[in-house]
Amino acid sequence: QEHWQLVCSPDFKNQYQDSLVEHDFSALPTVQVKGYRENWLQWLSHNQFEMTLPKVLLEVSNSLHALEAVKHGIGVLLVRSLAVSELLEKNDLVLATESSMPAESAHYLITKH
């Protein structure tokens, strides 16, 4: 099952380490993808964090653009594990926190028979 994970660049994590350790997400610049059913409030609630939304610095229409922005240190991103797994393996991105949330919706792959 996929999970929602909070990711950022290694440099961003070093710069905002105090806020991340304190789970003070309201102090963090954030990149957000439009159109996802699950959102920050659900993730914060699931992890029993303070229900204060972060400051959205950049909103984009797809995960690929969001991941590129986050790789360049623009902010943190709440993203599905499938979309970010390869970037985490290559250490292009890191987990901003170990907290996650199971994804309720799914991606589908349509193929020709």
PDB file of N, CA and C in Angstrom:
ATOM      1  N   GLN A   1       0.838  -1.189   0.000  1.00  0.00           N
ATOM      2  CA  GLN A   1       0.000   0.000   0.000  1.00  0.00           C
ATOM      3  C   GLN A   1       0.878   1.246   0.000  1.00  0.00           C
ATOM      4  N   GLU A   2       0.425   2.223  -0.751  1.00  0.00           N
ATOM      5  CA  GLU A   2       1.146   3.495  -0.794  1.00  0.00           C
ATOM      6  C   GLU A   2       0.920   4.281   0.489  1.00  0.00           C
ATOM      7  N   HIS A   3       1.883   5.148   0.783  1.00  0.00           N
ATOM      8  CA  HIS A   3       1.789   6.038   1.940  1.00  0.00           C
ATOM      9  C   HIS A   3       2.074   7.462   1.498  1.00  0.00           C
ATOM     10  N   TRP A   4       1.521   8.405   2.237  1.00  0.00           N
ATOM     11  CA  TRP A   4       1.873   9.813   2.057  1.00  0.00           C
ATOM     12  C   TRP A   4       3.084  10.082   2.928  1.00  0.00           C
ATOM     13  N   GLN A   5       4.119  10.662   2.338  1.00  0.00           N
ATOM     14  CA  GLN A   5       5.354  10.962   3.048  1.00  0.00           C
ATOM     15  C   GLN A   5       5.698  12.433   2.865  1.00  0.00           C
ATOM     16  N   LEU A   6       6.322  13.005   3.870  1.00  0.00           N
ATOM     17  CA  LEU A   6       6.785  14.387   3.796  1.00  0.00           C
ATOM     18  C   LEU A   6       8.263  14.360   3.426  1.00  0.00           C
ATOM     19  N   VAL A   7       8.595  14.965   2.280  1.00  0.00           N
ATOM     20  CA  VAL A   7       9.969  14.919   1.779  1.00  0.00           C
ATOM     21  C   VAL A   7      10.512  16.322   1.539  1.00  0.00           C
ATOM     22  N   CYS A   8      11.838  16.394   1.454  1.00  0.00           N
ATOM     23  CA  CYS A   8      12.522  17.659   1.171  1.00  0.00           C
ATOM     24  C   CYS A   8      13.927  17.339   0.673  1.00  0.00           C
ATOM     25  N   SER A   9      14.650  18.367   0.282  1.00  0.00           N
ATOM     26  CA  SER A   9      16.046  18.170  -0.122  1.00  0.00           C
ATOM     27  C   SER A   9      16.902  18.010   1.138  1.00  0.00           C
ATOM     28  N   PRO A  10      18.056  17.366   1.021  1.00  0.00           N
ATOM     29  CA  PRO A  10      18.947  17.248   2.179  1.00  0.00           C
ATOM     30  C   PRO A  10      19.339  18.614   2.760  1.00  0.00           C
ATOM     31  N   ASP A  11      19.622  19.594   1.910  1.00  0.00           N
ATOM     32  CA  ASP A  11      19.993  20.928   2.399  1.00  0.00           C
ATOM     33  C   ASP A  11      18.840  21.594   3.139  1.00  0.00           C
ATOM     34  N   PHE A  12      17.628  21.439   2.610  1.00  0.00           N
ATOM     35  CA  PHE A  12      16.447  22.003   3.267  1.00  0.00           C
ATOM     36  C   PHE A  12      16.289  21.396   4.659  1.00  0.00           C
ATOM     37  N   LYS A  13      16.472  20.082   4.769  1.00  0.00           N
ATOM     38  CA  LYS A  13      16.331  19.414   6.066  1.00  0.00           C
ATOM     39  C   LYS A  13      17.349  19.952   7.068  1.00  0.00           C
ATOM     40  N   ASN A  14      18.577  20.176   6.627  1.00  0.00           N
ATOM     41  CA  ASN A  14      19.587  20.755   7.516  1.00  0.00           C
ATOM     42  C   ASN A  14      19.209  22.165   7.948  1.00  0.00           C
ATOM     43  N   GLN A  15      18.704  22.955   7.011  1.00  0.00           N
ATOM     44  CA  GLN A  15      18.352  24.347   7.308  1.00  0.00           C
ATOM     45  C   GLN A  15      17.162  24.453   8.261  1.00  0.00           C
ATOM     46  N   TYR A  16      16.191  23.565   8.132  1.00  0.00           N
ATOM     47  CA  TYR A  16      14.954  23.643   8.920  1.00  0.00           C
ATOM     48  C   TYR A  16      14.853  22.531   9.963  1.00  0.00           C
ATOM     49  N   GLN A  17      15.990  21.987  10.367  1.00  0.00           N
ATOM     50  CA  GLN A  17      16.023  20.857  11.291  1.00  0.00           C
ATOM     51  C   GLN A  17      15.230  21.116  12.573  1.00  0.00           C
ATOM     52  N   ASP A  18      15.365  22.302  13.157  1.00  0.00           N
ATOM     53  CA  ASP A  18      14.665  22.595  14.415  1.00  0.00           C
ATOM     54  C   ASP A  18      13.158  22.516  14.248  1.00  0.00           C
ATOM     55  N   SER A  19      12.626  23.139  13.203  1.00  0.00           N
ATOM     56  CA  SER A  19      11.177  23.107  12.955  1.00  0.00           C
ATOM     57  C   SER A  19      10.701  21.687  12.679  1.00  0.00           C
ATOM     58  N   LEU A  20      11.488  20.918  11.946  1.00  0.00           N
ATOM     59  CA  LEU A  20      11.104  19.543  11.633  1.00  0.00           C
ATOM     60  C   LEU A  20      11.091  18.670  12.881  1.00  0.00           C
ATOM     61  N   VAL A  21      12.094  18.813  13.731  1.00  0.00           N
ATOM     62  CA  VAL A  21      12.158  18.027  14.966  1.00  0.00           C
ATOM     63  C   VAL A  21      10.986  18.374  15.885  1.00  0.00           C
ATOM     64  N   GLU A  22      10.627  19.653  15.928  1.00  0.00           N
ATOM     65  CA  GLU A  22       9.517  20.113  16.776  1.00  0.00           C
ATOM     66  C   GLU A  22       8.149  19.879  16.130  1.00  0.00           C
ATOM     67  N   HIS A  23       8.133  19.358  14.899  1.00  0.00           N
ATOM     68  CA  HIS A  23       6.893  19.178  14.125  1.00  0.00           C
ATOM     69  C   HIS A  23       6.143  20.490  13.974  1.00  0.00           C
ATOM     70  N   ASP A  24       6.885  21.576  13.810  1.00  0.00           N
ATOM     71  CA  ASP A  24       6.302  22.902  13.584  1.00  0.00           C
ATOM     72  C   ASP A  24       6.217  23.133  12.078  1.00  0.00           C
ATOM     73  N   PHE A  25       5.249  22.489  11.451  1.00  0.00           N
ATOM     74  CA  PHE A  25       5.128  22.548   9.996  1.00  0.00           C
ATOM     75  C   PHE A  25       4.617  23.893   9.511  1.00  0.00           C
ATOM     76  N   SER A  26       3.971  24.655  10.392  1.00  0.00           N
ATOM     77  CA  SER A  26       3.459  25.975   9.999  1.00  0.00           C
ATOM     78  C   SER A  26       4.594  26.932   9.641  1.00  0.00           C
ATOM     79  N   ALA A  27       5.792  26.660  10.129  1.00  0.00           N
ATOM     80  CA  ALA A  27       6.945  27.525   9.875  1.00  0.00           C
ATOM     81  C   ALA A  27       7.668  27.175   8.576  1.00  0.00           C
ATOM     82  N   LEU A  28       7.222  26.125   7.890  1.00  0.00           N
ATOM     83  CA  LEU A  28       7.954  25.635   6.723  1.00  0.00           C
ATOM     84  C   LEU A  28       7.333  26.078   5.405  1.00  0.00           C
ATOM     85  N   PRO A  29       8.160  26.520   4.449  1.00  0.00           N
ATOM     86  CA  PRO A  29       7.647  26.740   3.099  1.00  0.00           C
ATOM     87  C   PRO A  29       7.278  25.382   2.490  1.00  0.00           C
ATOM     88  N   THR A  30       6.178  25.364   1.760  1.00  0.00           N
ATOM     89  CA  THR A  30       5.628  24.108   1.265  1.00  0.00           C
ATOM     90  C   THR A  30       5.328  24.173  -0.226  1.00  0.00           C
ATOM     91  N   VAL A  31       5.562  23.059  -0.895  1.00  0.00           N
ATOM     92  CA  VAL A  31       5.145  22.878  -2.284  1.00  0.00           C
ATOM     93  C   VAL A  31       3.921  21.964  -2.236  1.00  0.00           C
ATOM     94  N   GLN A  32       2.896  22.310  -2.990  1.00  0.00           N
ATOM     95  CA  GLN A  32       1.651  21.551  -2.948  1.00  0.00           C
ATOM     96  C   GLN A  32       1.202  21.191  -4.362  1.00  0.00           C
ATOM     97  N   VAL A  33       0.656  19.982  -4.505  1.00  0.00           N
ATOM     98  CA  VAL A  33       0.110  19.530  -5.789  1.00  0.00           C
ATOM     99  C   VAL A  33      -1.405  19.691  -5.746  1.00  0.00           C
ATOM    100  N   LYS A  34      -1.957  20.357  -6.749  1.00  0.00           N
ATOM    101  CA  LYS A  34      -3.411  20.542  -6.831  1.00  0.00           C
ATOM    102  C   LYS A  34      -4.102  19.214  -7.113  1.00  0.00           C
ATOM    103  N   GLY A  35      -5.289  19.047  -6.539  1.00  0.00           N
ATOM    104  CA  GLY A  35      -6.164  17.967  -6.956  1.00  0.00           C
ATOM    105  C   GLY A  35      -6.106  16.662  -6.195  1.00  0.00           C
ATOM    106  N   TYR A  36      -5.200  16.497  -5.249  1.00  0.00           N
ATOM    107  CA  TYR A  36      -5.182  15.252  -4.481  1.00  0.00           C
ATOM    108  C   TYR A  36      -6.344  15.224  -3.502  1.00  0.00           C
ATOM    109  N   ARG A  37      -6.957  14.034  -3.316  1.00  0.00           N
ATOM    110  CA  ARG A  37      -8.068  13.900  -2.373  1.00  0.00           C
ATOM    111  C   ARG A  37      -7.571  13.994  -0.931  1.00  0.00           C
ATOM    112  N   GLU A  38      -6.495  13.300  -0.646  1.00  0.00           N
ATOM    113  CA  GLU A  38      -5.932  13.394   0.701  1.00  0.00           C
ATOM    114  C   GLU A  38      -5.150  14.695   0.804  1.00  0.00           C
ATOM    115  N   ASN A  39      -5.084  15.239   2.014  1.00  0.00           N
ATOM    116  CA  ASN A  39      -4.451  16.554   2.153  1.00  0.00           C
ATOM    117  C   ASN A  39      -3.698  16.688   3.474  1.00  0.00           C
ATOM    118  N   TRP A  40      -3.149  17.894   3.671  1.00  0.00           N
ATOM    119  CA  TRP A  40      -2.363  18.194   4.871  1.00  0.00           C
ATOM    120  C   TRP A  40      -3.152  17.976   6.156  1.00  0.00           C
ATOM    121  N   LEU A  41      -4.406  18.430   6.197  1.00  0.00           N
ATOM    122  CA  LEU A  41      -5.185  18.286   7.433  1.00  0.00           C
ATOM    123  C   LEU A  41      -5.339  16.819   7.817  1.00  0.00           C
ATOM    124  N   GLN A  42      -5.586  15.963   6.841  1.00  0.00           N
ATOM    125  CA  GLN A  42      -5.692  14.533   7.123  1.00  0.00           C
ATOM    126  C   GLN A  42      -4.358  13.976   7.622  1.00  0.00           C
ATOM    127  N   TRP A  43      -3.264  14.383   6.991  1.00  0.00           N
ATOM    128  CA  TRP A  43      -1.942  13.892   7.385  1.00  0.00           C
ATOM    129  C   TRP A  43      -1.593  14.358   8.801  1.00  0.00           C
ATOM    130  N   LEU A  44      -1.838  15.628   9.081  1.00  0.00           N
ATOM    131  CA  LEU A  44      -1.568  16.160  10.421  1.00  0.00           C
ATOM    132  C   LEU A  44      -2.407  15.432  11.468  1.00  0.00           C
ATOM    133  N   SER A  45      -3.692  15.243  11.178  1.00  0.00           N
ATOM    134  CA  SER A  45      -4.590  14.560  12.106  1.00  0.00           C
ATOM    135  C   SER A  45      -4.159  13.107  12.318  1.00  0.00           C
ATOM    136  N   HIS A  46      -3.857  12.405  11.249  1.00  0.00           N
ATOM    137  CA  HIS A  46      -3.436  11.004  11.335  1.00  0.00           C
ATOM    138  C   HIS A  46      -2.210  10.851  12.238  1.00  0.00           C
ATOM    139  N   ASN A  47      -1.292  11.798  12.155  1.00  0.00           N
ATOM    140  CA  ASN A  47      -0.054  11.737  12.937  1.00  0.00           C
ATOM    141  C   ASN A  47      -0.148  12.463  14.274  1.00  0.00           C
ATOM    142  N   GLN A  48      -1.346  12.948  14.598  1.00  0.00           N
ATOM    143  CA  GLN A  48      -1.619  13.630  15.868  1.00  0.00           C
ATOM    144  C   GLN A  48      -0.718  14.840  16.085  1.00  0.00           C
ATOM    145  N   PHE A  49      -0.544  15.615  15.003  1.00  0.00           N
ATOM    146  CA  PHE A  49       0.205  16.859  15.078  1.00  0.00           C
ATOM    147  C   PHE A  49      -0.771  18.021  15.189  1.00  0.00           C
ATOM    148  N   GLU A  50      -0.253  19.174  15.601  1.00  0.00           N
ATOM    149  CA  GLU A  50      -1.070  20.383  15.666  1.00  0.00           C
ATOM    150  C   GLU A  50      -1.670  20.666  14.287  1.00  0.00           C
ATOM    151  N   MET A  51      -2.951  21.012  14.278  1.00  0.00           N
ATOM    152  CA  MET A  51      -3.683  21.198  13.018  1.00  0.00           C
ATOM    153  C   MET A  51      -3.493  22.604  12.458  1.00  0.00           C
ATOM    154  N   THR A  52      -2.253  23.003  12.269  1.00  0.00           N
ATOM    155  CA  THR A  52      -1.925  24.298  11.681  1.00  0.00           C
ATOM    156  C   THR A  52      -1.291  24.051  10.322  1.00  0.00           C
ATOM    157  N   LEU A  53      -1.917  24.584   9.287  1.00  0.00           N
ATOM    158  CA  LEU A  53      -1.429  24.348   7.932  1.00  0.00           C
ATOM    159  C   LEU A  53      -0.125  25.087   7.666  1.00  0.00           C
ATOM    160  N   PRO A  54       0.756  24.493   6.885  1.00  0.00           N
ATOM    161  CA  PRO A  54       1.994  25.170   6.502  1.00  0.00           C
ATOM    162  C   PRO A  54       1.715  26.255   5.469  1.00  0.00           C
ATOM    163  N   LYS A  55       2.732  27.074   5.231  1.00  0.00           N
ATOM    164  CA  LYS A  55       2.622  28.161   4.252  1.00  0.00           C
ATOM    165  C   LYS A  55       2.943  27.605   2.863  1.00  0.00           C
ATOM    166  N   VAL A  56       1.933  27.602   1.979  1.00  0.00           N
ATOM    167  CA  VAL A  56       2.147  27.106   0.616  1.00  0.00           C
ATOM    168  C   VAL A  56       2.892  28.177  -0.172  1.00  0.00           C
ATOM    169  N   LEU A  57       4.102  27.847  -0.569  1.00  0.00           N
ATOM    170  CA  LEU A  57       4.940  28.765  -1.328  1.00  0.00           C
ATOM    171  C   LEU A  57       4.746  28.583  -2.829  1.00  0.00           C
ATOM    172  N   LEU A  58       4.473  27.328  -3.226  1.00  0.00           N
ATOM    173  CA  LEU A  58       4.319  27.012  -4.642  1.00  0.00           C
ATOM    174  C   LEU A  58       3.262  25.930  -4.786  1.00  0.00           C
ATOM    175  N   GLU A  59       2.291  26.153  -5.688  1.00  0.00           N
ATOM    176  CA  GLU A  59       1.279  25.143  -5.988  1.00  0.00           C
ATOM    177  C   GLU A  59       1.386  24.784  -7.465  1.00  0.00           C
ATOM    178  N   VAL A  60       1.512  23.492  -7.742  1.00  0.00           N
ATOM    179  CA  VAL A  60       1.689  23.027  -9.117  1.00  0.00           C
ATOM    180  C   VAL A  60       0.637  21.972  -9.452  1.00  0.00           C
ATOM    181  N   SER A  61       0.562  21.613 -10.731  1.00  0.00           N
ATOM    182  CA  SER A  61      -0.498  20.714 -11.182  1.00  0.00           C
ATOM    183  C   SER A  61      -0.116  19.235 -11.191  1.00  0.00           C
ATOM    184  N   ASN A  62       1.157  18.915 -10.991  1.00  0.00           N
ATOM    185  CA  ASN A  62       1.514  17.485 -10.965  1.00  0.00           C
ATOM    186  C   ASN A  62       2.725  17.213 -10.072  1.00  0.00           C
ATOM    187  N   SER A  63       2.849  15.952  -9.687  1.00  0.00           N
ATOM    188  CA  SER A  63       3.905  15.541  -8.753  1.00  0.00           C
ATOM    189  C   SER A  63       5.304  15.724  -9.314  1.00  0.00           C
ATOM    190  N   LEU A  64       5.484  15.505 -10.618  1.00  0.00           N
ATOM    191  CA  LEU A  64       6.825  15.634 -11.204  1.00  0.00           C
ATOM    192  C   LEU A  64       7.374  17.046 -11.052  1.00  0.00           C
ATOM    193  N   HIS A  65       6.545  18.054 -11.326  1.00  0.00           N
ATOM    194  CA  HIS A  65       6.989  19.441 -11.148  1.00  0.00           C
ATOM    195  C   HIS A  65       7.251  19.739  -9.673  1.00  0.00           C
ATOM    196  N   ALA A  66       6.389  19.230  -8.809  1.00  0.00           N
ATOM    197  CA  ALA A  66       6.569  19.452  -7.372  1.00  0.00           C
ATOM    198  C   ALA A  66       7.872  18.832  -6.881  1.00  0.00           C
ATOM    199  N   LEU A  67       8.164  17.623  -7.323  1.00  0.00           N
ATOM    200  CA  LEU A  67       9.394  16.950  -6.904  1.00  0.00           C
ATOM    201  C   LEU A  67      10.632  17.695  -7.389  1.00  0.00           C
ATOM    202  N   GLU A  68      10.584  18.238  -8.591  1.00  0.00           N
ATOM    203  CA  GLU A  68      11.715  19.030  -9.096  1.00  0.00           C
ATOM    204  C   GLU A  68      11.926  20.276  -8.238  1.00  0.00           C
ATOM    205  N   ALA A  69      10.840  20.949  -7.885  1.00  0.00           N
ATOM    206  CA  ALA A  69      10.945  22.148  -7.043  1.00  0.00           C
ATOM    207  C   ALA A  69      11.545  21.801  -5.684  1.00  0.00           C
ATOM    208  N   VAL A  70      11.097  20.696  -5.109  1.00  0.00           N
ATOM    209  CA  VAL A  70      11.588  20.282  -3.790  1.00  0.00           C
ATOM    210  C   VAL A  70      13.057  19.878  -3.863  1.00  0.00           C
ATOM    211  N   LYS A  71      13.468  19.232  -4.946  1.00  0.00           N
ATOM    212  CA  LYS A  71      14.888  18.886  -5.122  1.00  0.00           C
ATOM    213  C   LYS A  71      15.763  20.135  -5.098  1.00  0.00           C
ATOM    214  N   HIS A  72      15.214  21.268  -5.536  1.00  0.00           N
ATOM    215  CA  HIS A  72      15.957  22.527  -5.549  1.00  0.00           C
ATOM    216  C   HIS A  72      15.790  23.322  -4.256  1.00  0.00           C
ATOM    217  N   GLY A  73      15.212  22.712  -3.222  1.00  0.00           N
ATOM    218  CA  GLY A  73      15.166  23.338  -1.904  1.00  0.00           C
ATOM    219  C   GLY A  73      14.054  24.343  -1.684  1.00  0.00           C
ATOM    220  N   ILE A  74      13.009  24.321  -2.527  1.00  0.00           N
ATOM    221  CA  ILE A  74      11.936  25.321  -2.398  1.00  0.00           C
ATOM    222  C   ILE A  74      11.100  25.108  -1.143  1.00  0.00           C
ATOM    223  N   GLY A  75      10.943  23.855  -0.723  1.00  0.00           N
ATOM    224  CA  GLY A  75      10.123  23.589   0.461  1.00  0.00           C
ATOM    225  C   GLY A  75       9.963  22.104   0.696  1.00  0.00           C
ATOM    226  N   VAL A  76       9.015  21.770   1.579  1.00  0.00           N
ATOM    227  CA  VAL A  76       8.661  20.376   1.824  1.00  0.00           C
ATOM    228  C   VAL A  76       7.479  20.018   0.937  1.00  0.00           C
ATOM    229  N   LEU A  77       7.287  18.724   0.725  1.00  0.00           N
ATOM    230  CA  LEU A  77       6.201  18.243  -0.125  1.00  0.00           C
ATOM    231  C   LEU A  77       5.591  17.003   0.502  1.00  0.00           C
ATOM    232  N   LEU A  78       4.279  16.998   0.607  1.00  0.00           N
ATOM    233  CA  LEU A  78       3.539  15.810   1.009  1.00  0.00           C
ATOM    234  C   LEU A  78       3.211  15.052  -0.274  1.00  0.00           C
ATOM    235  N   VAL A  79       3.765  13.838  -0.403  1.00  0.00           N
ATOM    236  CA  VAL A  79       3.697  13.121  -1.681  1.00  0.00           C
ATOM    237  C   VAL A  79       3.535  11.621  -1.439  1.00  0.00           C
ATOM    238  N   ARG A  80       2.990  10.953  -2.433  1.00  0.00           N
ATOM    239  CA  ARG A  80       2.821   9.498  -2.348  1.00  0.00           C
ATOM    240  C   ARG A  80       4.176   8.790  -2.443  1.00  0.00           C
ATOM    241  N   SER A  81       4.298   7.701  -1.711  1.00  0.00           N
ATOM    242  CA  SER A  81       5.552   6.947  -1.665  1.00  0.00           C
ATOM    243  C   SER A  81       5.972   6.429  -3.042  1.00  0.00           C
ATOM    244  N   LEU A  82       5.032   6.026  -3.877  1.00  0.00           N
ATOM    245  CA  LEU A  82       5.371   5.524  -5.206  1.00  0.00           C
ATOM    246  C   LEU A  82       6.057   6.593  -6.058  1.00  0.00           C
ATOM    247  N   ALA A  83       5.596   7.824  -5.947  1.00  0.00           N
ATOM    248  CA  ALA A  83       6.143   8.914  -6.764  1.00  0.00           C
ATOM    249  C   ALA A  83       7.552   9.311  -6.345  1.00  0.00           C
ATOM    250  N   VAL A  84       7.907   9.068  -5.090  1.00  0.00           N
ATOM    251  CA  VAL A  84       9.173   9.588  -4.564  1.00  0.00           C
ATOM    252  C   VAL A  84      10.199   8.498  -4.237  1.00  0.00           C
ATOM    253  N   SER A  85       9.834   7.239  -4.331  1.00  0.00           N
ATOM    254  CA  SER A  85      10.724   6.164  -3.866  1.00  0.00           C
ATOM    255  C   SER A  85      12.100   6.178  -4.534  1.00  0.00           C
ATOM    256  N   GLU A  86      12.144   6.380  -5.842  1.00  0.00           N
ATOM    257  CA  GLU A  86      13.432   6.376  -6.549  1.00  0.00           C
ATOM    258  C   GLU A  86      14.312   7.550  -6.118  1.00  0.00           C
ATOM    259  N   LEU A  87      13.711   8.719  -5.928  1.00  0.00           N
ATOM    260  CA  LEU A  87      14.480   9.898  -5.497  1.00  0.00           C
ATOM    261  C   LEU A  87      15.016   9.720  -4.080  1.00  0.00           C
ATOM    262  N   LEU A  88      14.271   9.022  -3.229  1.00  0.00           N
ATOM    263  CA  LEU A  88      14.752   8.737  -1.872  1.00  0.00           C
ATOM    264  C   LEU A  88      15.919   7.748  -1.918  1.00  0.00           C
ATOM    265  N   GLU A  89      15.815   6.745  -2.770  1.00  0.00           N
ATOM    266  CA  GLU A  89      16.898   5.758  -2.894  1.00  0.00           C
ATOM    267  C   GLU A  89      18.196   6.404  -3.368  1.00  0.00           C
ATOM    268  N   LYS A  90      18.084   7.385  -4.261  1.00  0.00           N
ATOM    269  CA  LYS A  90      19.271   8.071  -4.797  1.00  0.00           C
ATOM    270  C   LYS A  90      19.730   9.218  -3.897  1.00  0.00           C
ATOM    271  N   ASN A  91      19.022   9.458  -2.792  1.00  0.00           N
ATOM    272  CA  ASN A  91      19.314  10.556  -1.863  1.00  0.00           C
ATOM    273  C   ASN A  91      19.196  11.928  -2.504  1.00  0.00           C
ATOM    274  N   ASP A  92      18.442  12.026  -3.607  1.00  0.00           N
ATOM    275  CA  ASP A  92      18.122  13.348  -4.159  1.00  0.00           C
ATOM    276  C   ASP A  92      17.168  14.071  -3.218  1.00  0.00           C
ATOM    277  N   LEU A  93      16.305  13.291  -2.563  1.00  0.00           N
ATOM    278  CA  LEU A  93      15.389  13.798  -1.543  1.00  0.00           C
ATOM    279  C   LEU A  93      15.525  12.927  -0.309  1.00  0.00           C
ATOM    280  N   VAL A  94      15.080  13.469   0.829  1.00  0.00           N
ATOM    281  CA  VAL A  94      15.097  12.738   2.096  1.00  0.00           C
ATOM    282  C   VAL A  94      13.742  12.898   2.765  1.00  0.00           C
ATOM    283  N   LEU A  95      13.450  12.004   3.705  1.00  0.00           N
ATOM    284  CA  LEU A  95      12.241  12.160   4.498  1.00  0.00           C
ATOM    285  C   LEU A  95      12.442  13.332   5.452  1.00  0.00           C
ATOM    286  N   ALA A  96      11.499  14.259   5.444  1.00  0.00           N
ATOM    287  CA  ALA A  96      11.575  15.390   6.366  1.00  0.00           C
ATOM    288  C   ALA A  96      11.246  14.927   7.779  1.00  0.00           C
ATOM    289  N   THR A  97      10.404  13.927   7.881  1.00  0.00           N
ATOM    290  CA  THR A  97      10.039  13.296   9.143  1.00  0.00           C
ATOM    291  C   THR A  97       9.677  11.851   8.839  1.00  0.00           C
ATOM    292  N   GLU A  98       9.792  10.982   9.816  1.00  0.00           N
ATOM    293  CA  GLU A  98       9.462   9.569   9.611  1.00  0.00           C
ATOM    294  C   GLU A  98       7.955   9.337   9.565  1.00  0.00           C
ATOM    295  N   SER A  99       7.161  10.313   9.952  1.00  0.00           N
ATOM    296  CA  SER A  99       5.706  10.171   9.991  1.00  0.00           C
ATOM    297  C   SER A  99       5.146  10.013   8.585  1.00  0.00           C
ATOM    298  N   SER A 100       4.119   9.182   8.464  1.00  0.00           N
ATOM    299  CA  SER A 100       3.479   8.970   7.168  1.00  0.00           C
ATOM    300  C   SER A 100       1.997   8.702   7.390  1.00  0.00           C
ATOM    301  N   MET A 101       1.262   8.490   6.302  1.00  0.00           N
ATOM    302  CA  MET A 101      -0.161   8.184   6.381  1.00  0.00           C
ATOM    303  C   MET A 101      -0.504   7.260   5.218  1.00  0.00           C
ATOM    304  N   PRO A 102      -1.236   6.164   5.476  1.00  0.00           N
ATOM    305  CA  PRO A 102      -1.645   5.300   4.366  1.00  0.00           C
ATOM    306  C   PRO A 102      -2.497   6.077   3.362  1.00  0.00           C
ATOM    307  N   ALA A 103      -2.276   5.825   2.086  1.00  0.00           N
ATOM    308  CA  ALA A 103      -3.068   6.476   1.038  1.00  0.00           C
ATOM    309  C   ALA A 103      -4.401   5.749   0.894  1.00  0.00           C
ATOM    310  N   GLU A 104      -5.475   6.515   0.799  1.00  0.00           N
ATOM    311  CA  GLU A 104      -6.800   5.915   0.620  1.00  0.00           C
ATOM    312  C   GLU A 104      -7.089   5.657  -0.849  1.00  0.00           C
ATOM    313  N   SER A 105      -6.654   6.555  -1.702  1.00  0.00           N
ATOM    314  CA  SER A 105      -6.900   6.398  -3.133  1.00  0.00           C
ATOM    315  C   SER A 105      -5.717   5.677  -3.762  1.00  0.00           C
ATOM    316  N   ALA A 106      -5.831   5.371  -5.053  1.00  0.00           N
ATOM    317  CA  ALA A 106      -4.780   4.588  -5.703  1.00  0.00           C
ATOM    318  C   ALA A 106      -4.512   5.099  -7.108  1.00  0.00           C
ATOM    319  N   HIS A 107      -3.343   4.744  -7.622  1.00  0.00           N
ATOM    320  CA  HIS A 107      -3.027   4.976  -9.028  1.00  0.00           C
ATOM    321  C   HIS A 107      -3.420   3.723  -9.805  1.00  0.00           C
ATOM    322  N   TYR A 108      -3.840   3.911 -11.023  1.00  0.00           N
ATOM    323  CA  TYR A 108      -4.209   2.778 -11.865  1.00  0.00           C
ATOM    324  C   TYR A 108      -3.370   2.800 -13.129  1.00  0.00           C
ATOM    325  N   LEU A 109      -3.002   1.631 -13.591  1.00  0.00           N
ATOM    326  CA  LEU A 109      -2.241   1.494 -14.825  1.00  0.00           C
ATOM    327  C   LEU A 109      -3.149   0.846 -15.861  1.00  0.00           C
ATOM    328  N   ILE A 110      -3.360   1.531 -16.972  1.00  0.00           N
ATOM    329  CA  ILE A 110      -4.223   1.021 -18.030  1.00  0.00           C
ATOM    330  C   ILE A 110      -3.338   0.538 -19.167  1.00  0.00           C
ATOM    331  N   THR A 111      -3.558  -0.698 -19.585  1.00  0.00           N
ATOM    332  CA  THR A 111      -2.756  -1.275 -20.661  1.00  0.00           C
ATOM    333  C   THR A 111      -3.661  -1.800 -21.766  1.00  0.00           C
ATOM    334  N   LYS A 112      -3.107  -1.941 -22.970  1.00  0.00           N
ATOM    335  CA  LYS A 112      -3.826  -2.570 -24.081  1.00  0.00           C
ATOM    336  C   LYS A 112      -3.716  -4.075 -23.945  1.00  0.00           C
ATOM    337  N   HIS A 113      -4.762  -4.766 -24.328  1.00  0.00           N
ATOM    338  CA  HIS A 113      -4.713  -6.239 -24.319  1.00  0.00           C
ATOM    339  C   HIS A 113      -4.248  -6.749 -25.645  1.00  0.00           C
TER     340      HIS A 113
END
